[in-house]
Every structure is written in C-alpha cells, then in structure tokens.
Amino acid sequence: MNYDEREALKRFTYSCESEVDVESLARMLILIAHWFRLNEKISFTEYASHYIEANKDTGTFGTSTQKMQDTWPLSGKCRIKNGDCYFRS
C-alpha cells in the first residue's frame, strides 16, 4: 500500500468515525483481509474498487456500503465475480 492509498484509507476511517459508521469500517476490514491474502501483486486501490463493485448488491455481510463505493469507484470492467473476493487477472 503506497502513501496515497494509506492517506485515503485514513480519511475514510476518520469520516466513518465521525459519522459513527461502524458498518463501513467493519466491511473495510474484511476487504483488507481479502487483499492481504492475494497471491498476485495488485494495488490496494485497484483491488478495493473491484471488490466493492462485486459486492455492492449482494445482501450479505460482505456487501459494500455506499461510502465505500463513493471512495473507491470502479473504472472499467469488474475483475471479481459478483459476490466474490477473488481477483481474476
């Protein structure tokens, strides 16, 4: 994770804290855990945008929140299957 990505994550965290948005914080921690286990090298921002898109309407605990979608929007085709966490190269 590079400097800009860390700063964006900190801003997201501070915003969630000030809004008492525990749901977004918990789901972001799950996203980070999935990113840590990747075998391939992919930036946090790229993984986050694909994961959030793939999980925005799943209705499960892993569902991404609107706050996550606004912070890490996807540009291009999603490379994670709907409701999944595995990035496809």
C-alpha atoms as a PDB file:
ATOM      1  CA  MET A   1       0.000   0.000   0.000  1.00  0.00           C
ATOM      2  CA  ASN A   2       1.533   3.281  -1.041  1.00  0.00           C
ATOM      3  CA  TYR A   3       1.407   6.640   0.731  1.00  0.00           C
ATOM      4  CA  ASP A   4      -1.630   7.988  -1.157  1.00  0.00           C
ATOM      5  CA  GLU A   5      -3.564   4.774  -0.531  1.00  0.00           C
ATOM      6  CA  ARG A   6      -2.778   4.904   3.201  1.00  0.00           C
ATOM      7  CA  GLU A   7      -3.890   8.533   3.366  1.00  0.00           C
ATOM      8  CA  ALA A   8      -7.160   7.751   1.535  1.00  0.00           C
ATOM      9  CA  LEU A   9      -7.810   4.884   3.931  1.00  0.00           C
ATOM     10  CA  LYS A  10      -7.147   7.135   6.933  1.00  0.00           C
ATOM     11  CA  ARG A  11      -9.537   9.801   5.574  1.00  0.00           C
ATOM     12  CA  PHE A  12     -12.165   7.098   5.047  1.00  0.00           C
ATOM     13  CA  THR A  13     -11.640   5.833   8.602  1.00  0.00           C
ATOM     14  CA  TYR A  14     -11.848   9.298  10.184  1.00  0.00           C
ATOM     15  CA  SER A  15     -15.008  10.013   8.201  1.00  0.00           C
ATOM     16  CA  CYS A  16     -16.594   6.739   9.333  1.00  0.00           C
ATOM     17  CA  GLU A  17     -15.648   7.502  12.925  1.00  0.00           C
ATOM     18  CA  SER A  18     -17.169  10.985  12.855  1.00  0.00           C
ATOM     19  CA  GLU A  19     -20.393   9.591  11.359  1.00  0.00           C
ATOM     20  CA  VAL A  20     -20.434   6.558  13.688  1.00  0.00           C
ATOM     21  CA  ASP A  21     -20.458   4.338  10.585  1.00  0.00           C
ATOM     22  CA  VAL A  22     -19.356   1.040  12.114  1.00  0.00           C
ATOM     23  CA  GLU A  23     -20.783  -0.936   9.189  1.00  0.00           C
ATOM     24  CA  SER A  24     -18.410   0.649   6.644  1.00  0.00           C
ATOM     25  CA  LEU A  25     -15.429   0.214   8.986  1.00  0.00           C
ATOM     26  CA  ALA A  26     -16.183  -3.474   9.568  1.00  0.00           C
ATOM     27  CA  ARG A  27     -16.654  -4.163   5.873  1.00  0.00           C
ATOM     28  CA  MET A  28     -13.447  -2.316   5.027  1.00  0.00           C
ATOM     29  CA  LEU A  29     -11.543  -4.549   7.457  1.00  0.00           C
ATOM     30  CA  ILE A  30     -12.941  -7.601   5.668  1.00  0.00           C
ATOM     31  CA  LEU A  31     -11.875  -6.144   2.311  1.00  0.00           C
ATOM     32  CA  ILE A  32      -8.348  -5.528   3.646  1.00  0.00           C
ATOM     33  CA  ALA A  33      -8.128  -9.120   4.928  1.00  0.00           C
ATOM     34  CA  HIS A  34      -9.066 -10.407   1.459  1.00  0.00           C
ATOM     35  CA  TRP A  35      -6.477  -8.112  -0.152  1.00  0.00           C
ATOM     36  CA  PHE A  36      -3.729  -9.355   2.206  1.00  0.00           C
ATOM     37  CA  ARG A  37      -4.177 -12.946   1.092  1.00  0.00           C
ATOM     38  CA  LEU A  38      -3.805 -12.283  -2.638  1.00  0.00           C
ATOM     39  CA  ASN A  39      -1.043 -14.257  -4.352  1.00  0.00           C
ATOM     40  CA  GLU A  40      -0.539 -11.641  -7.040  1.00  0.00           C
ATOM     41  CA  LYS A  41       0.675  -8.111  -6.637  1.00  0.00           C
ATOM     42  CA  ILE A  42      -2.198  -5.690  -7.119  1.00  0.00           C
ATOM     43  CA  SER A  43      -2.569  -2.234  -5.658  1.00  0.00           C
ATOM     44  CA  PHE A  44      -4.953  -1.733  -2.778  1.00  0.00           C
ATOM     45  CA  THR A  45      -6.904   0.878  -4.745  1.00  0.00           C
ATOM     46  CA  GLU A  46      -7.403  -1.439  -7.711  1.00  0.00           C
ATOM     47  CA  TYR A  47      -8.460  -4.385  -5.553  1.00  0.00           C
ATOM     48  CA  ALA A  48     -10.754  -2.228  -3.404  1.00  0.00           C
ATOM     49  CA  SER A  49     -12.587  -0.757  -6.401  1.00  0.00           C
ATOM     50  CA  HIS A  50     -13.194  -4.216  -7.918  1.00  0.00           C
ATOM     51  CA  TYR A  51     -14.161  -5.850  -4.602  1.00  0.00           C
ATOM     52  CA  ILE A  52     -16.559  -3.042  -3.745  1.00  0.00           C
ATOM     53  CA  GLU A  53     -18.210  -3.219  -7.169  1.00  0.00           C
ATOM     54  CA  ALA A  54     -18.553  -7.017  -6.993  1.00  0.00           C
ATOM     55  CA  ASN A  55     -20.111  -6.842  -3.536  1.00  0.00           C
ATOM     56  CA  LYS A  56     -22.307  -3.756  -3.697  1.00  0.00           C
ATOM     57  CA  ASP A  57     -25.643  -5.550  -4.066  1.00  0.00           C
ATOM     58  CA  THR A  58     -25.042  -8.972  -2.541  1.00  0.00           C
ATOM     59  CA  GLY A  59     -27.133  -8.576   0.612  1.00  0.00           C
ATOM     60  CA  THR A  60     -24.543 -10.445   2.703  1.00  0.00           C
ATOM     61  CA  PHE A  61     -22.230  -9.231   5.458  1.00  0.00           C
ATOM     62  CA  GLY A  62     -19.588  -8.568   2.800  1.00  0.00           C
ATOM     63  CA  THR A  63     -21.850  -6.109   0.990  1.00  0.00           C
ATOM     64  CA  SER A  64     -20.014  -2.886   0.287  1.00  0.00           C
ATOM     65  CA  THR A  65     -21.537   0.323   1.549  1.00  0.00           C
ATOM     66  CA  GLN A  66     -22.298   3.464  -0.441  1.00  0.00           C
ATOM     67  CA  LYS A  67     -19.497   5.245   1.425  1.00  0.00           C
ATOM     68  CA  MET A  68     -17.035   2.599   0.151  1.00  0.00           C
ATOM     69  CA  GLN A  69     -18.422   2.877  -3.383  1.00  0.00           C
ATOM     70  CA  ASP A  70     -18.015   6.649  -3.338  1.00  0.00           C
ATOM     71  CA  THR A  71     -14.433   6.457  -2.027  1.00  0.00           C
ATOM     72  CA  TRP A  72     -13.114   3.720  -4.354  1.00  0.00           C
ATOM     73  CA  PRO A  73     -15.208   3.818  -7.558  1.00  0.00           C
ATOM     74  CA  LEU A  74     -14.569   1.287 -10.308  1.00  0.00           C
ATOM     75  CA  SER A  75     -13.473   2.411 -13.738  1.00  0.00           C
ATOM     76  CA  GLY A  76     -13.640  -0.271 -16.395  1.00  0.00           C
ATOM     77  CA  LYS A  77     -14.799  -3.866 -16.238  1.00  0.00           C
ATOM     78  CA  CYS A  78     -15.009  -5.558 -12.840  1.00  0.00           C
ATOM     79  CA  ARG A  79     -12.500  -8.409 -12.489  1.00  0.00           C
ATOM     80  CA  ILE A  80     -14.139 -10.008  -9.455  1.00  0.00           C
ATOM     81  CA  LYS A  81     -17.294 -12.090  -9.886  1.00  0.00           C
ATOM     82  CA  ASN A  82     -20.443 -10.748  -8.252  1.00  0.00           C
ATOM     83  CA  GLY A  83     -20.475 -11.644  -4.557  1.00  0.00           C
ATOM     84  CA  ASP A  84     -16.902 -12.982  -4.639  1.00  0.00           C
ATOM     85  CA  CYS A  85     -13.499 -11.766  -3.430  1.00  0.00           C
ATOM     86  CA  TYR A  86     -11.072 -13.423  -5.881  1.00  0.00           C
ATOM     87  CA  PHE A  87      -9.397 -11.084  -8.347  1.00  0.00           C
ATOM     88  CA  ARG A  88      -9.159 -12.508 -11.884  1.00  0.00           C
ATOM     89  CA  SER A  89      -6.172 -11.350 -13.915  1.00  0.00           C
END
